[in-house]
Each structure stands twice: as structure tokens, then as C-alpha cells.
C-alpha atoms as a PDB file:
ATOM      1  CA  MET A   1      47.307 -55.108 118.907  1.00  0.00           C
ATOM      2  CA  ASN A   2      46.232 -55.575 122.501  1.00  0.00           C
ATOM      3  CA  ASN A   3      48.198 -54.703 125.610  1.00  0.00           C
ATOM      4  CA  ARG A   4      49.327 -58.282 126.235  1.00  0.00           C
ATOM      5  CA  GLN A   5      50.980 -58.472 122.812  1.00  0.00           C
ATOM      6  CA  ARG A   6      52.595 -55.058 123.293  1.00  0.00           C
ATOM      7  CA  ALA A   7      53.872 -56.107 126.725  1.00  0.00           C
ATOM      8  CA  ASN A   8      55.278 -59.329 125.258  1.00  0.00           C
ATOM      9  CA  GLY A   9      57.083 -57.382 122.545  1.00  0.00           C
ATOM     10  CA  ILE A  10      58.528 -54.853 124.970  1.00  0.00           C
ATOM     11  CA  THR A  11      59.635 -57.607 127.363  1.00  0.00           C
ATOM     12  CA  ALA A  12      61.246 -59.587 124.550  1.00  0.00           C
ATOM     13  CA  GLY A  13      63.123 -56.471 123.418  1.00  0.00           C
ATOM     14  CA  ILE A  14      64.399 -55.743 126.919  1.00  0.00           C
ATOM     15  CA  ILE A  15      65.515 -59.340 127.439  1.00  0.00           C
ATOM     16  CA  SER A  16      67.252 -59.334 124.033  1.00  0.00           C
ATOM     17  CA  ILE A  17      69.166 -56.194 124.954  1.00  0.00           C
ATOM     18  CA  MET A  18      70.144 -57.662 128.322  1.00  0.00           C
ATOM     19  CA  LEU A  19      71.339 -60.894 126.688  1.00  0.00           C
ATOM     20  CA  GLY A  20      73.307 -58.919 124.108  1.00  0.00           C
ATOM     21  CA  ILE A  21      75.007 -56.866 126.810  1.00  0.00           C
ATOM     22  CA  THR A  22      75.826 -60.031 128.766  1.00  0.00           C
ATOM     23  CA  LEU A  23      77.223 -61.661 125.631  1.00  0.00           C
ATOM     24  CA  LEU A  24      79.434 -58.645 124.928  1.00  0.00           C
ATOM     25  CA  ALA A  25      80.630 -58.616 128.538  1.00  0.00           C
ATOM     26  CA  ILE A  26      81.627 -62.280 128.300  1.00  0.00           C
ATOM     27  CA  ILE A  27      83.319 -62.046 124.886  1.00  0.00           C
ATOM     28  CA  PHE A  28      85.039 -58.657 125.277  1.00  0.00           C
ATOM     29  CA  PRO A  29      85.400 -58.041 129.030  1.00  0.00           C
ATOM     30  CA  TYR A  30      87.987 -55.243 128.852  1.00  0.00           C
ATOM     31  CA  HIS A  31      86.327 -53.421 125.966  1.00  0.00           C
ATOM     32  CA  PHE A  32      82.963 -53.767 127.655  1.00  0.00           C
ATOM     33  CA  LEU A  33      84.330 -52.404 130.917  1.00  0.00           C
ATOM     34  CA  GLY A  34      85.878 -49.405 129.148  1.00  0.00           C
ATOM     35  CA  ILE A  35      82.739 -48.626 127.190  1.00  0.00           C
ATOM     36  CA  SER A  36      80.619 -49.015 130.339  1.00  0.00           C
ATOM     37  CA  LEU A  37      82.815 -46.549 132.204  1.00  0.00           C
ATOM     38  CA  ILE A  38      82.643 -44.022 129.368  1.00  0.00           C
ATOM     39  CA  VAL A  39      78.852 -44.326 129.072  1.00  0.00           C
ATOM     40  CA  SER A  40      78.292 -44.075 132.822  1.00  0.00           C
ATOM     41  CA  ALA A  41      80.632 -41.070 133.077  1.00  0.00           C
ATOM     42  CA  SER A  42      78.750 -39.357 130.244  1.00  0.00           C
ATOM     43  CA  ILE A  43      75.407 -39.988 131.924  1.00  0.00           C
ATOM     44  CA  CYS A  44      76.740 -38.673 135.247  1.00  0.00           C
ATOM     45  CA  LEU A  45      78.083 -35.532 133.558  1.00  0.00           C
ATOM     46  CA  TYR A  46      74.695 -34.970 131.926  1.00  0.00           C
ATOM     47  CA  PHE A  47      72.867 -35.183 135.247  1.00  0.00           C
ATOM     48  CA  MET A  48      75.466 -32.971 136.957  1.00  0.00           C
ATOM     49  CA  PHE A  49      75.038 -30.359 134.208  1.00  0.00           C
ATOM     50  CA  LYS A  50      71.257 -30.602 134.520  1.00  0.00           C
ATOM     51  CA  THR A  51      71.391 -30.179 138.312  1.00  0.00           C
ATOM     52  CA  ILE A  52      73.769 -27.213 138.169  1.00  0.00           C
ATOM     53  CA  ARG A  53      71.724 -25.578 135.409  1.00  0.00           C
ATOM     54  CA  ASN A  54      68.494 -25.950 137.387  1.00  0.00           C
ATOM     55  CA  THR A  55      70.161 -24.574 140.526  1.00  0.00           C
ATOM     56  CA  VAL A  56      71.504 -21.531 138.685  1.00  0.00           C
ATOM     57  CA  LYS A  57      68.158 -20.974 136.955  1.00  0.00           C
ATOM     58  CA  ALA A  58      66.306 -21.155 140.282  1.00  0.00           C
ATOM     59  CA  HIS A  59      68.752 -18.685 141.803  1.00  0.00           C
ATOM     60  CA  LEU A  60      68.384 -16.273 138.876  1.00  0.00           C
ATOM     61  CA  ASP A  61      64.584 -16.571 138.971  1.00  0.00           C
ATOM     62  CA  LYS A  62      64.589 -15.920 142.693  1.00  0.00           C
ATOM     63  CA  GLU A  63      66.881 -12.925 142.238  1.00  0.00           C
ATOM     64  CA  GLU A  64      64.656 -11.554 139.447  1.00  0.00           C
ATOM     65  CA  LEU A  65      61.535 -11.834 141.590  1.00  0.00           C
ATOM     66  CA  SER A  66      63.166  -9.973 144.480  1.00  0.00           C
ATOM     67  CA  LYS A  67      63.833  -6.896 142.298  1.00  0.00           C
END
């Protein structure tokens, strides 16, 4: 399979997902909005956890090196 065929497959998959999300948003607007808020809040919490963890780790590493 060459790169053009792979790119076509990936693009078709992305467009299918986008169309499916749009269809769900049109058919179930309130459910879609609620699910979107829950998913986005979960993603934000993940990145906040990751940022805080990296900050604490950097601080502990820095403290360990200064000993």
C-alpha cells in the first residue's frame, strides 16, 4: 500500500468521524453538549494533573541535586 492510499484511508476515517459527530450534534443536541462538556473536562483534568506532576517532579529533582 503506497502513501497516497494510506493518506486517502486516514482522511476518509477523519471525515467519517467528523460527520458522525456532526450528525450526533444535530440529532441529540443536549446529550451531545453534555457529553462534550464531560469529555473536555476530563481532558483538561488530565493535562492539569500532568502539568502539576511534572512541576512537582522537577522541584523534587532540583532539590535532590542540591543535596
